[in-house]
Structure formats: structure tokens, C-alpha cells
Amino acid sequence: MIPNIAVIRIESEHFHCPTIPVPLFLLWIPVLLLSPLILLVLLVLWAVCLGFGYPFWRAIGTCWKILCALPGTDVRVHADGNHITVRIL
């Protein structure tokens, strides 16, 4: 299952932002608009896979598995008194 939503929280010593939900399914709109460019990237990936002798569909499958493994990811960044948390649901 691909990720549906990301929750972002930004905190600092002087500033506290409420939790911001970001609907990731809306990213499919730019993907559809950029589909000619994505097709060109896939053709280049196919040529690279062919040159190195790696199966193209295996590379596509690996990228899809990485995308599907994103739900449950929790990234926390702490620097100079600022805290940023991104959770992918």
C-alpha cells in the first residue's frame, strides 16, 4: 500500500506550529502531468539496466517495494533548538 498522508510538526524554542497533515495522494496529480518526463526517465533506466545486465522489471519492482514500505516511517530532526518531525502514515 502506498503512503496516503504525512504528518509534519515543527517546534522551536520561540515557535510552535500545529501539526500539519499533508495528503500524499495529491502528489499523483503532478505525476500525471509529468508523465512524458517520467516515461523518458524510464527509458533511460531501461537502457542503464540493459547496459549493466540487470533485469528492468526487477528494478521497477524494487522501486515499488521501497515506495510501499514508506508507511510507518518516522523522521525526527533536531538542530539548534529546532525540532522537526515527519511521520508517513
N, C-alpha and C. Protein backbone atom coordinates (compact mmCIF):
# COMPACT_ATOMS: atom_id res chain seq x y z
N MET A 1 0.84 -1.18 0.00
CA MET A 1 0.00 0.00 0.00
C MET A 1 0.89 1.24 0.00
N ILE A 2 0.62 2.16 -0.88
CA ILE A 2 1.41 3.38 -0.94
C ILE A 2 0.98 4.33 0.17
N PRO A 3 1.86 5.20 0.62
CA PRO A 3 1.51 6.12 1.71
C PRO A 3 0.42 7.10 1.29
N ASN A 4 -0.47 7.42 2.23
CA ASN A 4 -1.59 8.31 1.93
C ASN A 4 -1.43 9.70 2.52
N ILE A 5 -0.80 9.79 3.68
CA ILE A 5 -0.73 11.08 4.37
C ILE A 5 0.59 11.18 5.13
N ALA A 6 1.12 12.38 5.21
CA ALA A 6 2.30 12.67 6.02
C ALA A 6 1.89 13.72 7.05
N VAL A 7 2.38 13.56 8.27
CA VAL A 7 2.07 14.50 9.34
C VAL A 7 3.37 15.20 9.71
N ILE A 8 3.37 16.53 9.63
CA ILE A 8 4.58 17.32 9.88
C ILE A 8 4.35 18.18 11.12
N ARG A 9 5.32 18.17 12.02
CA ARG A 9 5.27 19.01 13.22
C ARG A 9 6.60 19.76 13.33
N ILE A 10 6.51 21.08 13.49
CA ILE A 10 7.70 21.93 13.60
C ILE A 10 7.64 22.62 14.95
N GLU A 11 8.72 22.49 15.73
CA GLU A 11 8.81 23.14 17.04
C GLU A 11 10.18 23.78 17.19
N SER A 12 10.20 24.93 17.83
CA SER A 12 11.46 25.57 18.19
C SER A 12 11.27 26.20 19.56
N GLU A 13 12.30 26.85 20.04
CA GLU A 13 12.22 27.47 21.36
C GLU A 13 11.20 28.61 21.40
N HIS A 14 11.06 29.34 20.29
CA HIS A 14 10.20 30.51 20.26
C HIS A 14 8.95 30.32 19.39
N PHE A 15 8.83 29.17 18.76
CA PHE A 15 7.75 28.98 17.79
C PHE A 15 7.23 27.56 17.90
N HIS A 16 5.93 27.41 17.90
CA HIS A 16 5.31 26.09 17.89
C HIS A 16 4.23 26.08 16.82
N CYS A 17 4.38 25.24 15.84
CA CYS A 17 3.43 25.13 14.74
C CYS A 17 2.50 23.96 15.01
N PRO A 18 1.21 24.11 14.76
CA PRO A 18 0.33 22.95 14.93
C PRO A 18 0.69 21.86 13.92
N THR A 19 0.25 20.68 14.19
CA THR A 19 0.52 19.56 13.30
C THR A 19 -0.11 19.82 11.94
N ILE A 20 0.68 19.59 10.88
CA ILE A 20 0.23 19.85 9.51
C ILE A 20 0.08 18.52 8.78
N PRO A 21 -1.16 18.10 8.46
CA PRO A 21 -1.31 16.89 7.66
C PRO A 21 -1.14 17.22 6.17
N VAL A 22 -0.37 16.44 5.48
CA VAL A 22 -0.12 16.64 4.04
C VAL A 22 -0.66 15.41 3.30
N PRO A 23 -1.73 15.57 2.52
CA PRO A 23 -2.27 14.42 1.78
C PRO A 23 -1.37 14.05 0.61
N LEU A 24 -0.72 12.90 0.71
CA LEU A 24 0.23 12.49 -0.32
C LEU A 24 -0.45 12.00 -1.60
N PHE A 25 -1.72 11.64 -1.50
CA PHE A 25 -2.40 11.19 -2.72
C PHE A 25 -2.54 12.33 -3.73
N LEU A 26 -2.43 13.57 -3.27
CA LEU A 26 -2.48 14.71 -4.20
C LEU A 26 -1.22 14.80 -5.06
N LEU A 27 -0.17 14.08 -4.67
CA LEU A 27 1.05 14.06 -5.49
C LEU A 27 0.85 13.32 -6.80
N TRP A 28 -0.23 12.54 -6.91
CA TRP A 28 -0.47 11.84 -8.16
C TRP A 28 -0.83 12.81 -9.29
N ILE A 29 -1.36 13.99 -8.95
CA ILE A 29 -1.71 14.98 -9.97
C ILE A 29 -0.44 15.45 -10.71
N PRO A 30 0.62 15.88 -9.99
CA PRO A 30 1.85 16.24 -10.74
C PRO A 30 2.47 15.06 -11.46
N VAL A 31 2.32 13.85 -10.90
CA VAL A 31 2.86 12.67 -11.58
C VAL A 31 2.19 12.50 -12.94
N LEU A 32 0.88 12.67 -12.98
CA LEU A 32 0.18 12.56 -14.26
C LEU A 32 0.57 13.67 -15.22
N LEU A 33 0.76 14.87 -14.69
CA LEU A 33 1.16 15.98 -15.56
C LEU A 33 2.58 15.82 -16.08
N LEU A 34 3.44 15.19 -15.30
CA LEU A 34 4.83 15.00 -15.70
C LEU A 34 5.07 13.63 -16.34
N SER A 35 4.02 12.94 -16.72
CA SER A 35 4.17 11.58 -17.25
C SER A 35 5.07 11.49 -18.48
N PRO A 36 5.10 12.47 -19.40
CA PRO A 36 6.06 12.35 -20.50
C PRO A 36 7.52 12.34 -20.02
N LEU A 37 7.81 13.17 -19.01
CA LEU A 37 9.16 13.18 -18.45
C LEU A 37 9.46 11.88 -17.72
N ILE A 38 8.49 11.35 -17.03
CA ILE A 38 8.66 10.09 -16.31
C ILE A 38 8.90 8.96 -17.31
N LEU A 39 8.21 8.99 -18.44
CA LEU A 39 8.42 7.99 -19.48
C LEU A 39 9.85 8.07 -20.01
N LEU A 40 10.37 9.26 -20.20
CA LEU A 40 11.75 9.43 -20.65
C LEU A 40 12.73 8.88 -19.61
N VAL A 41 12.47 9.12 -18.33
CA VAL A 41 13.33 8.60 -17.26
C VAL A 41 13.29 7.08 -17.25
N LEU A 42 12.11 6.50 -17.47
CA LEU A 42 12.01 5.04 -17.52
C LEU A 42 12.78 4.45 -18.70
N LEU A 43 12.77 5.15 -19.83
CA LEU A 43 13.56 4.68 -20.99
C LEU A 43 15.06 4.72 -20.69
N VAL A 44 15.50 5.77 -20.02
CA VAL A 44 16.92 5.86 -19.63
C VAL A 44 17.25 4.77 -18.63
N LEU A 45 16.35 4.53 -17.66
CA LEU A 45 16.56 3.45 -16.70
C LEU A 45 16.63 2.10 -17.38
N TRP A 46 15.79 1.90 -18.39
CA TRP A 46 15.81 0.65 -19.14
C TRP A 46 17.16 0.47 -19.85
N ALA A 47 17.67 1.56 -20.45
CA ALA A 47 18.96 1.49 -21.14
C ALA A 47 20.10 1.20 -20.16
N VAL A 48 20.05 1.83 -18.98
CA VAL A 48 21.09 1.59 -17.97
C VAL A 48 21.02 0.15 -17.48
N CYS A 49 19.81 -0.34 -17.23
CA CYS A 49 19.66 -1.73 -16.79
C CYS A 49 20.15 -2.69 -17.86
N LEU A 50 19.86 -2.39 -19.11
CA LEU A 50 20.32 -3.23 -20.21
C LEU A 50 21.84 -3.22 -20.30
N GLY A 51 22.44 -2.03 -20.09
CA GLY A 51 23.90 -1.92 -20.16
C GLY A 51 24.61 -2.66 -19.04
N PHE A 52 24.02 -2.67 -17.84
CA PHE A 52 24.65 -3.36 -16.70
C PHE A 52 24.17 -4.80 -16.55
N GLY A 53 23.23 -5.23 -17.38
CA GLY A 53 22.76 -6.60 -17.32
C GLY A 53 21.82 -6.87 -16.16
N TYR A 54 21.15 -5.86 -15.68
CA TYR A 54 20.20 -6.02 -14.57
C TYR A 54 18.79 -6.02 -15.15
N PRO A 55 17.94 -6.96 -14.73
CA PRO A 55 16.57 -7.01 -15.29
C PRO A 55 15.78 -5.73 -14.98
N PHE A 56 15.20 -5.14 -16.00
CA PHE A 56 14.47 -3.88 -15.87
C PHE A 56 13.28 -4.03 -14.93
N TRP A 57 12.49 -5.09 -15.08
CA TRP A 57 11.30 -5.26 -14.25
C TRP A 57 11.67 -5.50 -12.79
N ARG A 58 12.83 -6.05 -12.56
CA ARG A 58 13.29 -6.23 -11.18
C ARG A 58 13.61 -4.87 -10.55
N ALA A 59 14.19 -3.95 -11.32
CA ALA A 59 14.48 -2.60 -10.83
C ALA A 59 13.18 -1.85 -10.54
N ILE A 60 12.19 -1.98 -11.42
CA ILE A 60 10.89 -1.34 -11.20
C ILE A 60 10.23 -1.93 -9.96
N GLY A 61 10.30 -3.24 -9.79
CA GLY A 61 9.73 -3.89 -8.62
C GLY A 61 10.39 -3.45 -7.33
N THR A 62 11.70 -3.25 -7.37
CA THR A 62 12.42 -2.78 -6.19
C THR A 62 12.00 -1.37 -5.82
N CYS A 63 11.87 -0.49 -6.81
CA CYS A 63 11.40 0.88 -6.53
C CYS A 63 9.99 0.87 -5.96
N TRP A 64 9.12 0.00 -6.48
CA TRP A 64 7.75 -0.08 -5.97
C TRP A 64 7.74 -0.59 -4.52
N LYS A 65 8.60 -1.56 -4.20
CA LYS A 65 8.67 -2.07 -2.83
C LYS A 65 9.15 -1.00 -1.86
N ILE A 66 10.09 -0.17 -2.29
CA ILE A 66 10.56 0.92 -1.44
C ILE A 66 9.43 1.92 -1.20
N LEU A 67 8.67 2.25 -2.24
CA LEU A 67 7.54 3.16 -2.10
C LEU A 67 6.48 2.59 -1.16
N CYS A 68 6.21 1.31 -1.27
CA CYS A 68 5.20 0.67 -0.42
C CYS A 68 5.67 0.50 1.02
N ALA A 69 6.97 0.53 1.26
CA ALA A 69 7.49 0.38 2.61
C ALA A 69 7.55 1.70 3.38
N LEU A 70 7.20 2.81 2.75
CA LEU A 70 7.26 4.11 3.40
C LEU A 70 6.27 4.30 4.55
N PRO A 71 5.04 3.76 4.51
CA PRO A 71 4.14 3.95 5.65
C PRO A 71 4.78 3.42 6.93
N GLY A 72 4.67 4.20 7.99
CA GLY A 72 5.30 3.84 9.25
C GLY A 72 6.65 4.50 9.45
N THR A 73 7.13 5.24 8.44
CA THR A 73 8.40 5.93 8.56
C THR A 73 8.25 7.14 9.48
N ASP A 74 9.19 7.30 10.38
CA ASP A 74 9.17 8.40 11.35
C ASP A 74 10.54 9.07 11.31
N VAL A 75 10.59 10.33 10.81
CA VAL A 75 11.85 11.06 10.70
C VAL A 75 11.83 12.20 11.70
N ARG A 76 12.87 12.26 12.54
CA ARG A 76 12.98 13.33 13.53
C ARG A 76 14.32 14.03 13.34
N VAL A 77 14.26 15.36 13.22
CA VAL A 77 15.48 16.15 13.04
C VAL A 77 15.54 17.16 14.18
N HIS A 78 16.67 17.17 14.89
CA HIS A 78 16.90 18.12 15.98
C HIS A 78 18.19 18.87 15.68
N ALA A 79 18.08 20.20 15.57
CA ALA A 79 19.27 21.02 15.30
C ALA A 79 19.03 22.43 15.82
N ASP A 80 19.99 22.94 16.55
CA ASP A 80 19.97 24.31 17.05
C ASP A 80 18.67 24.67 17.78
N GLY A 81 18.16 23.76 18.57
CA GLY A 81 16.94 24.01 19.33
C GLY A 81 15.66 23.87 18.53
N ASN A 82 15.76 23.48 17.27
CA ASN A 82 14.58 23.27 16.43
C ASN A 82 14.32 21.77 16.31
N HIS A 83 13.05 21.42 16.31
CA HIS A 83 12.64 20.01 16.20
C HIS A 83 11.64 19.89 15.06
N ILE A 84 11.93 19.03 14.12
CA ILE A 84 11.01 18.77 13.01
C ILE A 84 10.74 17.28 12.98
N THR A 85 9.46 16.92 12.97
CA THR A 85 9.06 15.53 12.94
C THR A 85 8.17 15.30 11.72
N VAL A 86 8.49 14.28 10.94
CA VAL A 86 7.68 13.90 9.78
C VAL A 86 7.32 12.43 9.96
N ARG A 87 6.02 12.16 10.00
CA ARG A 87 5.53 10.78 10.08
C ARG A 87 4.74 10.50 8.82
N ILE A 88 5.04 9.38 8.18
CA ILE A 88 4.32 8.98 6.98
C ILE A 88 3.38 7.85 7.37
N LEU A 89 2.10 8.08 7.13
CA LEU A 89 1.07 7.10 7.51
C LEU A 89 0.55 6.36 6.31
